[in-house]
């Protein structure tokens, strides 16, 4: 079964909430990560968490696209596609 974009957003929201101890009800897909308290170091932590959780490699050059949950989900989907998943 292929995951939809909204599925990926829900999965990324879970990883964000688990990694940064946030209430999922407060995490909107289009909210800037900075508003959630996730700075540049936090984005690196999120990238690492996604790589571990999904067993993928996400190029550090893609980190600049980590602006909100939705964009992180798109980067994750691209990484999974490039690895044939």
C-alpha atoms as a PDB file:
ATOM      1  CA  UNK A   1       0.000   0.000   0.000  1.00  0.00           C
ATOM      2  CA  UNK A   2       1.307   3.432  -0.963  1.00  0.00           C
ATOM      3  CA  UNK A   3       1.120   6.094   1.734  1.00  0.00           C
ATOM      4  CA  UNK A   4      -0.679   9.300   0.821  1.00  0.00           C
ATOM      5  CA  UNK A   5       0.654  12.773   1.507  1.00  0.00           C
ATOM      6  CA  UNK A   6      -1.711  13.127   4.476  1.00  0.00           C
ATOM      7  CA  UNK A   7      -0.473   9.764   5.809  1.00  0.00           C
ATOM      8  CA  UNK A   8       3.103  11.030   5.593  1.00  0.00           C
ATOM      9  CA  UNK A   9       2.106  14.274   7.337  1.00  0.00           C
ATOM     10  CA  UNK A  10       0.499  12.275  10.148  1.00  0.00           C
ATOM     11  CA  UNK A  11       3.622  10.103  10.449  1.00  0.00           C
ATOM     12  CA  UNK A  12       5.935  13.134  10.474  1.00  0.00           C
ATOM     13  CA  UNK A  13       3.701  14.828  13.054  1.00  0.00           C
ATOM     14  CA  UNK A  14       4.107  11.764  15.282  1.00  0.00           C
ATOM     15  CA  UNK A  15       7.905  11.802  14.896  1.00  0.00           C
ATOM     16  CA  UNK A  16       7.985  15.563  15.604  1.00  0.00           C
ATOM     17  CA  UNK A  17       5.808  15.177  18.687  1.00  0.00           C
ATOM     18  CA  UNK A  18       7.775  12.187  19.977  1.00  0.00           C
ATOM     19  CA  UNK A  19      11.157  13.814  19.317  1.00  0.00           C
ATOM     20  CA  UNK A  20      10.308  17.197  20.824  1.00  0.00           C
ATOM     21  CA  UNK A  21       7.677  16.176  23.403  1.00  0.00           C
ATOM     22  CA  UNK A  22       4.903  18.212  21.808  1.00  0.00           C
ATOM     23  CA  UNK A  23       1.146  17.772  22.062  1.00  0.00           C
ATOM     24  CA  UNK A  24      -0.072  16.444  18.667  1.00  0.00           C
ATOM     25  CA  UNK A  25      -3.212  18.578  18.945  1.00  0.00           C
ATOM     26  CA  UNK A  26      -1.018  21.680  18.811  1.00  0.00           C
ATOM     27  CA  UNK A  27       0.976  20.677  15.719  1.00  0.00           C
ATOM     28  CA  UNK A  28      -0.581  21.958  12.492  1.00  0.00           C
ATOM     29  CA  UNK A  29       0.914  20.701   9.183  1.00  0.00           C
ATOM     30  CA  UNK A  30       1.567  24.244   7.961  1.00  0.00           C
ATOM     31  CA  UNK A  31       2.895  25.702  11.222  1.00  0.00           C
ATOM     32  CA  UNK A  32       6.513  26.839  10.867  1.00  0.00           C
ATOM     33  CA  UNK A  33       8.881  24.567  12.781  1.00  0.00           C
ATOM     34  CA  UNK A  34      10.292  27.635  14.553  1.00  0.00           C
ATOM     35  CA  UNK A  35       6.856  28.281  16.053  1.00  0.00           C
ATOM     36  CA  UNK A  36       7.028  24.765  17.501  1.00  0.00           C
ATOM     37  CA  UNK A  37      10.382  25.584  19.101  1.00  0.00           C
ATOM     38  CA  UNK A  38      12.412  23.646  16.524  1.00  0.00           C
ATOM     39  CA  UNK A  39      15.515  25.615  15.546  1.00  0.00           C
ATOM     40  CA  UNK A  40      18.339  24.654  13.160  1.00  0.00           C
ATOM     41  CA  UNK A  41      19.776  22.116  15.612  1.00  0.00           C
ATOM     42  CA  UNK A  42      16.282  20.742  16.095  1.00  0.00           C
ATOM     43  CA  UNK A  43      15.877  20.295  12.333  1.00  0.00           C
ATOM     44  CA  UNK A  44      19.068  18.210  12.314  1.00  0.00           C
ATOM     45  CA  UNK A  45      17.669  16.151  15.193  1.00  0.00           C
ATOM     46  CA  UNK A  46      14.420  15.697  13.238  1.00  0.00           C
ATOM     47  CA  UNK A  47      16.306  14.644  10.110  1.00  0.00           C
ATOM     48  CA  UNK A  48      18.217  12.044  12.139  1.00  0.00           C
ATOM     49  CA  UNK A  49      15.013  10.778  13.775  1.00  0.00           C
ATOM     50  CA  UNK A  50      13.351  10.354  10.369  1.00  0.00           C
ATOM     51  CA  UNK A  51      16.395   8.527   8.999  1.00  0.00           C
ATOM     52  CA  UNK A  52      16.355   6.122  11.936  1.00  0.00           C
ATOM     53  CA  UNK A  53      12.570   5.643  11.989  1.00  0.00           C
ATOM     54  CA  UNK A  54      12.272   5.030   8.240  1.00  0.00           C
ATOM     55  CA  UNK A  55      15.712   3.560   7.517  1.00  0.00           C
ATOM     56  CA  UNK A  56      16.373   6.123   4.784  1.00  0.00           C
ATOM     57  CA  UNK A  57      19.117   8.592   4.049  1.00  0.00           C
ATOM     58  CA  UNK A  58      18.116  12.224   3.679  1.00  0.00           C
ATOM     59  CA  UNK A  59      20.765  14.507   2.224  1.00  0.00           C
ATOM     60  CA  UNK A  60      21.703  17.410   4.493  1.00  0.00           C
ATOM     61  CA  UNK A  61      21.191  19.703   1.499  1.00  0.00           C
ATOM     62  CA  UNK A  62      17.453  19.006   1.888  1.00  0.00           C
ATOM     63  CA  UNK A  63      17.451  20.457   5.409  1.00  0.00           C
ATOM     64  CA  UNK A  64      16.617  23.913   4.080  1.00  0.00           C
ATOM     65  CA  UNK A  65      13.236  22.498   2.998  1.00  0.00           C
ATOM     66  CA  UNK A  66      12.399  21.592   6.616  1.00  0.00           C
ATOM     67  CA  UNK A  67      10.169  24.614   7.174  1.00  0.00           C
ATOM     68  CA  UNK A  68       6.943  22.973   8.392  1.00  0.00           C
ATOM     69  CA  UNK A  69       5.522  19.463   8.902  1.00  0.00           C
ATOM     70  CA  UNK A  70       4.079  19.391   5.393  1.00  0.00           C
ATOM     71  CA  UNK A  71       7.388  20.209   3.732  1.00  0.00           C
ATOM     72  CA  UNK A  72       9.210  17.683   5.935  1.00  0.00           C
ATOM     73  CA  UNK A  73       6.667  15.058   4.798  1.00  0.00           C
ATOM     74  CA  UNK A  74       7.421  15.941   1.158  1.00  0.00           C
ATOM     75  CA  UNK A  75      11.178  15.569   1.716  1.00  0.00           C
ATOM     76  CA  UNK A  76      10.567  12.223   3.426  1.00  0.00           C
ATOM     77  CA  UNK A  77       8.353  11.051   0.554  1.00  0.00           C
ATOM     78  CA  UNK A  78      11.070  12.036  -1.949  1.00  0.00           C
ATOM     79  CA  UNK A  79      13.690  10.107   0.052  1.00  0.00           C
ATOM     80  CA  UNK A  80      11.479   7.025   0.234  1.00  0.00           C
ATOM     81  CA  UNK A  81      10.727   7.208  -3.510  1.00  0.00           C
ATOM     82  CA  UNK A  82      14.406   7.534  -4.370  1.00  0.00           C
ATOM     83  CA  UNK A  83      15.053   4.363  -2.379  1.00  0.00           C
ATOM     84  CA  UNK A  84      12.262   2.568  -4.189  1.00  0.00           C
ATOM     85  CA  UNK A  85       9.668   2.525  -1.409  1.00  0.00           C
END
